[in-house]
C-alpha cells in the first residue's frame, strides 16, 4: 500500500482494473488521452497526471493497459523509458509482440527498473469482476512484487507466472490462437457447405452433436442460419504479434499465416475495439450463394 501506483490507459479494460485497485485501498494516479475517462476515475478517488511521463516520474509502480502493441511501444519509448528511475516496476497488461516486450524490458533493466508482461483474458466483464486470467512473464523478483496487484485484477488461481520476460505474451498467444484458429476452421467448414449448394440449416442435424467438434460446428452453423454470423470472431489483429514471435524464434505457423493472409485480403474486414475480427465475409458468402 505504501507504493505509489500509476495506471496508463483506462479504457474498456484498464478502467475497471483501475477501479478495482482503488477499491482495494491503493493510492492511484491515472492518465489517459480521453479526459472523460480521467474524470470518471477522479470521482472514484484517483489522482490525475498531466501525461504518461509525469505519471512515470511520480510513481513507484506503473501499470499500462493500451490498445495495441504499437501504442504500448510508442508510449514506452517516448514517455516511460526516458522518465524511468532505478527501482521502478512496470506491469504491462496489454497484448504486445513478445520480441518488443523483451526489447522494452531490456531498456528498462538498463536503467535499473523491471518490466512484468501480464496480458489478460476475460474481456470487460472479467475486468469488472476482477476474475481475469493473467499470463505473467518477467524476472522472479519483479513478478513477486507484482503478484499482490495482479491478484486484485484476476482470479488468483488463474494468475500464472509463465517464465522470463515475454513468456506472458507467448502464453497470451496460446490463449488467442486456441480461440481464433478453431473458430476459423469451423467457419470455413460451414462456408464449404453453403458455397457448394447445401443449406447451413442442414448441418446441425447432419453433423452436429452435444460435445467435441460436433457441438462447435453446430454452434457455428446455427449462428449462420439465425443471422448471427457477425458474432463469430477470430483474433485477426493480433495474429501479426504471434507470427513475429515465430519469425524471431525461427519456426513456421502455416495455419496462423494462412488465416492472417485470408483476413487481410478479404473485403470490408474491420476489427472491433476488442481486437477481434467480425467476419463480414459471411455477407459475401451469402451474396455468392444467391448467385449459384
Protein backbone atom coordinates (compact mmCIF):
# COMPACT_ATOMS: atom_id res chain seq x y z
CA UNK A 1 0.00 0.00 0.00
CA UNK A 2 3.00 2.34 0.52
CA UNK A 3 3.95 2.09 -3.14
CA UNK A 4 2.87 4.99 -5.31
CA UNK A 5 0.86 3.33 -8.07
CA UNK A 6 0.13 4.67 -11.56
CA UNK A 7 -2.11 3.41 -14.36
CA UNK A 8 -1.84 4.47 -18.02
CA UNK A 9 -4.75 3.54 -20.30
CA UNK A 10 -8.11 3.45 -18.52
CA UNK A 11 -10.45 2.33 -21.30
CA UNK A 12 -12.77 -0.68 -21.52
CA UNK A 13 -10.24 -2.97 -19.83
CA UNK A 14 -7.99 -0.59 -17.93
CA UNK A 15 -10.78 1.49 -16.39
CA UNK A 16 -12.37 -1.36 -14.43
CA UNK A 17 -8.94 -2.63 -13.39
CA UNK A 18 -8.05 0.81 -12.06
CA UNK A 19 -11.31 0.97 -10.11
CA UNK A 20 -10.59 -2.42 -8.55
CA UNK A 21 -7.21 -1.15 -7.39
CA UNK A 22 -8.89 1.89 -5.83
CA UNK A 23 -11.45 -0.34 -4.08
CA UNK A 24 -8.56 -2.37 -2.67
CA UNK A 25 -7.24 0.79 -1.00
CA UNK A 26 -4.42 1.76 -3.35
CA UNK A 27 -3.40 5.36 -3.86
CA UNK A 28 -3.66 5.56 -7.64
CA UNK A 29 -2.60 8.14 -10.24
CA UNK A 30 -4.05 7.73 -13.74
CA UNK A 31 -3.51 9.03 -17.25
CA UNK A 32 -5.41 8.60 -20.49
CA UNK A 33 -5.81 10.63 -23.67
CA UNK A 34 -9.58 10.77 -23.00
CA UNK A 35 -10.30 13.42 -20.32
CA UNK A 36 -13.74 11.90 -19.61
CA UNK A 37 -12.09 8.66 -18.52
CA UNK A 38 -9.77 10.56 -16.21
CA UNK A 39 -12.71 12.50 -14.76
CA UNK A 40 -14.55 9.25 -14.07
CA UNK A 41 -11.59 7.77 -12.18
CA UNK A 42 -11.08 11.00 -10.24
CA UNK A 43 -14.65 10.67 -8.98
CA UNK A 44 -13.61 7.24 -7.68
CA UNK A 45 -10.69 8.73 -5.78
CA UNK A 46 -7.80 8.63 -8.28
CA UNK A 47 -5.33 11.41 -8.90
CA UNK A 48 -4.75 12.65 -12.45
CA UNK A 49 -1.38 13.05 -14.15
CA UNK A 50 -0.79 15.58 -16.92
CA UNK A 51 0.98 13.00 -19.10
CA UNK A 52 2.32 9.47 -19.12
CA UNK A 53 5.80 10.86 -18.50
CA UNK A 54 4.62 12.88 -15.47
CA UNK A 55 2.87 9.80 -14.08
CA UNK A 56 6.03 7.75 -14.51
CA UNK A 57 8.11 10.37 -12.74
CA UNK A 58 5.84 10.32 -9.68
CA UNK A 59 5.05 6.60 -9.28
CA UNK A 60 6.93 3.57 -7.99
CA UNK A 61 4.83 1.06 -9.95
CA UNK A 62 3.48 1.92 -13.40
CA UNK A 63 0.75 -0.25 -14.93
CA UNK A 64 -0.28 0.04 -18.58
CA UNK A 65 -3.33 -1.24 -20.47
CA UNK A 66 -3.06 0.06 -24.01
CA UNK A 67 -4.97 -0.92 -27.13
CA UNK A 68 -2.19 -2.37 -29.26
CA UNK A 69 1.43 -3.45 -29.33
CA UNK A 70 2.34 -0.39 -31.38
CA UNK A 71 0.75 2.01 -28.91
CA UNK A 72 2.49 0.38 -25.93
CA UNK A 73 5.88 0.54 -27.66
CA UNK A 74 5.36 4.20 -28.58
CA UNK A 75 4.31 5.16 -25.04
CA UNK A 76 7.14 3.15 -23.50
CA UNK A 77 9.84 4.60 -25.75
CA UNK A 78 8.61 8.19 -25.80
CA UNK A 79 7.29 8.65 -22.26
CA UNK A 80 8.13 5.83 -19.87
CA UNK A 81 11.72 4.81 -20.55
CA UNK A 82 13.05 8.42 -20.60
CA UNK A 83 11.35 9.08 -17.23
CA UNK A 84 12.38 5.79 -15.60
CA UNK A 85 14.45 5.69 -12.45
CA UNK A 86 16.13 2.80 -10.66
CA UNK A 87 13.83 0.61 -8.57
CA UNK A 88 10.65 1.22 -10.54
CA UNK A 89 8.40 -1.63 -11.62
CA UNK A 90 6.37 -1.62 -14.83
CA UNK A 91 3.45 -4.01 -15.34
CA UNK A 92 2.04 -4.17 -18.85
CA UNK A 93 -1.45 -5.69 -19.01
CA UNK A 94 -1.90 -5.38 -22.78
CA UNK A 95 -1.13 -7.77 -25.61
CA UNK A 96 2.25 -6.95 -27.17
CA UNK A 97 4.58 -8.65 -29.62
CA UNK A 98 6.92 -10.82 -27.48
CA UNK A 99 10.15 -9.56 -29.13
CA UNK A 100 9.11 -5.97 -28.45
CA UNK A 101 8.23 -6.83 -24.86
CA UNK A 102 11.72 -8.25 -24.37
CA UNK A 103 13.32 -5.21 -26.03
CA UNK A 104 11.45 -2.73 -23.84
CA UNK A 105 12.29 -4.87 -20.79
CA UNK A 106 15.96 -4.55 -21.71
CA UNK A 107 15.72 -0.76 -21.98
CA UNK A 108 14.08 -0.56 -18.56
CA UNK A 109 16.54 -3.00 -16.97
CA UNK A 110 19.43 -0.85 -18.23
CA UNK A 111 18.03 1.94 -16.07
CA UNK A 112 17.62 -0.31 -13.02
CA UNK A 113 13.88 -0.91 -13.45
CA UNK A 114 11.88 -4.04 -14.21
CA UNK A 115 9.07 -4.95 -16.60
CA UNK A 116 6.49 -7.65 -15.98
CA UNK A 117 4.40 -8.58 -19.02
CA UNK A 118 0.96 -9.59 -17.74
CA UNK A 119 -1.55 -9.75 -20.62
CA UNK A 120 -5.08 -10.65 -19.61
CA UNK A 121 -8.04 -12.63 -20.91
CA UNK A 122 -11.66 -12.37 -19.85
CA UNK A 123 -12.97 -9.23 -21.51
CA UNK A 124 -14.55 -6.20 -19.85
CA UNK A 125 -16.75 -8.46 -17.72
CA UNK A 126 -13.72 -10.19 -16.24
CA UNK A 127 -12.05 -6.84 -15.76
CA UNK A 128 -15.07 -5.52 -13.84
CA UNK A 129 -15.33 -8.65 -11.68
CA UNK A 130 -11.60 -8.99 -11.02
CA UNK A 131 -11.73 -12.53 -12.43
CA UNK A 132 -9.31 -12.20 -15.34
CA UNK A 133 -6.88 -14.86 -16.49
CA UNK A 134 -3.43 -13.22 -16.31
CA UNK A 135 -0.33 -14.63 -18.03
CA UNK A 136 2.81 -13.35 -16.35
CA UNK A 137 6.37 -13.05 -17.65
CA UNK A 138 9.41 -11.49 -16.03
CA UNK A 139 12.21 -11.84 -13.52
CA UNK A 140 11.35 -13.70 -10.33
CA UNK A 141 11.82 -10.69 -8.03
CA UNK A 142 9.77 -8.40 -10.28
CA UNK A 143 6.98 -10.97 -10.56
CA UNK A 144 6.91 -11.46 -6.78
CA UNK A 145 6.50 -7.71 -6.38
CA UNK A 146 3.71 -7.60 -9.00
CA UNK A 147 1.68 -10.58 -7.78
CA UNK A 148 -0.26 -8.83 -4.97
CA UNK A 149 -1.52 -6.29 -7.50
CA UNK A 150 -2.30 -8.90 -10.14
CA UNK A 151 -4.24 -10.89 -7.55
CA UNK A 152 -6.62 -7.93 -7.26
CA UNK A 153 -7.20 -7.80 -11.02
CA UNK A 154 -7.53 -11.51 -11.73
CA UNK A 155 -8.64 -14.80 -10.26
CA UNK A 156 -5.67 -15.71 -8.03
CA UNK A 157 -5.90 -19.32 -9.25
CA UNK A 158 -5.55 -18.05 -12.84
CA UNK A 159 -2.64 -15.64 -12.36
CA UNK A 160 0.25 -17.71 -13.67
CA UNK A 161 3.97 -16.97 -13.86
CA UNK A 162 4.85 -18.43 -17.24
CA UNK A 163 8.59 -17.75 -17.35
CA UNK A 164 11.05 -14.95 -18.14
CA UNK A 165 10.32 -11.70 -19.96
CA UNK A 166 7.97 -12.21 -22.91
CA UNK A 167 6.61 -15.52 -21.65
CA UNK A 168 3.33 -13.95 -20.58
CA UNK A 169 2.85 -12.63 -24.10
CA UNK A 170 3.66 -16.05 -25.57
CA UNK A 171 1.03 -17.73 -23.39
CA UNK A 172 -1.47 -14.99 -24.28
CA UNK A 173 -0.75 -16.03 -27.87
CA UNK A 174 -1.67 -19.61 -27.00
CA UNK A 175 -4.91 -18.28 -25.50
CA UNK A 176 -5.79 -16.23 -28.59
CA UNK A 177 -4.81 -18.88 -31.13
CA UNK A 178 -6.72 -21.57 -29.25
CA UNK A 179 -9.83 -19.43 -29.66
CA UNK A 180 -9.30 -17.97 -33.12
CA UNK A 181 -7.88 -20.83 -35.18
CA UNK A 182 -10.56 -23.46 -34.38
CA UNK A 183 -13.28 -20.85 -34.88
CA UNK A 184 -11.89 -20.05 -38.33
CA UNK A 185 -11.75 -23.74 -39.21
CA UNK A 186 -15.41 -24.31 -38.32
CA UNK A 187 -16.40 -21.18 -40.21
CA UNK A 188 -14.57 -22.49 -43.27
CA UNK A 189 -16.26 -25.88 -42.96
CA UNK A 190 -19.70 -24.25 -42.92
CA UNK A 191 -18.72 -21.99 -45.82
CA UNK A 192 -17.66 -25.09 -47.78
CA UNK A 193 -21.19 -26.47 -47.46
CA UNK A 194 -23.01 -23.23 -48.27
CA UNK A 195 -20.88 -22.35 -51.30
CA UNK A 196 -21.30 -25.90 -52.57
CA UNK A 197 -25.08 -25.53 -52.57
CA UNK A 198 -26.01 -27.06 -49.20
CA UNK A 199 -28.04 -25.00 -46.71
CA UNK A 200 -26.36 -24.31 -43.39
CA UNK A 201 -29.65 -25.37 -41.74
CA UNK A 202 -28.88 -28.99 -42.67
CA UNK A 203 -25.59 -29.10 -40.79
CA UNK A 204 -26.67 -29.17 -37.11
CA UNK A 205 -28.75 -32.31 -37.69
CA UNK A 206 -26.37 -33.94 -40.16
CA UNK A 207 -23.05 -33.28 -38.42
CA UNK A 208 -23.82 -31.57 -35.10
CA UNK A 209 -23.89 -33.12 -31.65
CA UNK A 210 -23.62 -32.50 -27.94
CA UNK A 211 -19.86 -32.43 -27.48
CA UNK A 212 -16.48 -32.05 -29.15
CA UNK A 213 -16.18 -30.86 -32.73
CA UNK A 214 -19.83 -31.69 -33.43
CA UNK A 215 -21.07 -29.25 -30.79
CA UNK A 216 -18.78 -26.48 -32.03
CA UNK A 217 -19.72 -26.97 -35.68
CA UNK A 218 -23.39 -26.93 -34.68
CA UNK A 219 -22.88 -23.67 -32.81
CA UNK A 220 -21.27 -22.02 -35.86
CA UNK A 221 -23.87 -23.36 -38.31
CA UNK A 222 -26.72 -22.17 -36.09
CA UNK A 223 -25.18 -18.71 -35.82
CA UNK A 224 -25.17 -18.51 -39.62
CA UNK A 225 -28.75 -19.73 -40.05
CA UNK A 226 -30.01 -17.39 -37.31
CA UNK A 227 -28.38 -14.32 -38.82
CA UNK A 228 -25.73 -14.05 -36.08
CA UNK A 229 -22.69 -14.77 -38.24
CA UNK A 230 -21.12 -11.43 -37.35
CA UNK A 231 -20.91 -12.64 -33.74
CA UNK A 232 -18.34 -15.24 -34.83
CA UNK A 233 -14.88 -13.89 -34.15
CA UNK A 234 -11.26 -14.67 -34.91
CA UNK A 235 -8.36 -12.81 -33.32
CA UNK A 236 -7.10 -11.33 -36.57
CA UNK A 237 -5.42 -8.06 -35.46
CA UNK A 238 -3.12 -9.91 -33.05
CA UNK A 239 -2.01 -12.64 -35.47
CA UNK A 240 0.93 -10.49 -36.57
CA UNK A 241 2.15 -10.40 -32.94
CA UNK A 242 2.41 -14.16 -32.77
CA UNK A 243 3.87 -14.52 -36.26
CA UNK A 244 6.56 -12.01 -35.25
CA UNK A 245 7.47 -14.25 -32.31
CA UNK A 246 7.57 -17.30 -34.60
CA UNK A 247 9.83 -15.45 -37.03
CA UNK A 248 12.13 -14.36 -34.20
CA UNK A 249 12.35 -17.93 -32.89
CA UNK A 250 12.78 -19.43 -36.38
CA UNK A 251 9.75 -21.67 -36.78
CA UNK A 252 6.69 -21.70 -39.05
CA UNK A 253 2.99 -21.31 -38.17
CA UNK A 254 1.36 -22.14 -41.51
CA UNK A 255 -2.26 -22.20 -40.27
CA UNK A 256 -1.91 -18.85 -38.49
CA UNK A 257 -0.16 -17.34 -41.51
CA UNK A 258 -2.87 -18.59 -43.88
CA UNK A 259 -5.62 -17.13 -41.68
CA UNK A 260 -3.80 -13.80 -41.49
CA UNK A 261 -3.39 -13.65 -45.28
CA UNK A 262 -7.03 -14.56 -45.93
CA UNK A 263 -8.41 -11.98 -43.49
CA UNK A 264 -6.04 -9.28 -44.67
CA UNK A 265 -7.15 -9.71 -48.29
CA UNK A 266 -10.88 -10.10 -47.58
CA UNK A 267 -13.10 -7.08 -48.37
CA UNK A 268 -14.66 -4.96 -45.64
CA UNK A 269 -12.76 -6.58 -42.76
CA UNK A 270 -12.73 -4.19 -39.83
CA UNK A 271 -11.56 -5.24 -36.36
CA UNK A 272 -13.72 -4.05 -33.49
CA UNK A 273 -12.39 -2.29 -30.42
CA UNK A 274 -11.79 -5.57 -28.60
CA UNK A 275 -9.13 -6.56 -31.11
CA UNK A 276 -11.24 -9.23 -32.80
CA UNK A 277 -12.37 -9.67 -36.37
CA UNK A 278 -16.02 -9.54 -37.31
CA UNK A 279 -16.17 -11.92 -40.29
CA UNK A 280 -18.12 -9.79 -42.73
CA UNK A 281 -17.03 -12.22 -45.43
CA UNK A 282 -20.21 -14.12 -44.45
CA UNK A 283 -22.15 -11.39 -46.24
CA UNK A 284 -20.07 -12.03 -49.34
CA UNK A 285 -20.62 -15.74 -48.86
CA UNK A 286 -24.41 -15.30 -48.82
CA UNK A 287 -24.28 -13.00 -51.84
CA UNK A 288 -22.37 -15.61 -53.79
CA UNK A 289 -24.69 -18.34 -52.55
CA UNK A 290 -27.68 -16.47 -54.02
CA UNK A 291 -25.93 -16.45 -57.40
CA UNK A 292 -25.32 -20.20 -57.52
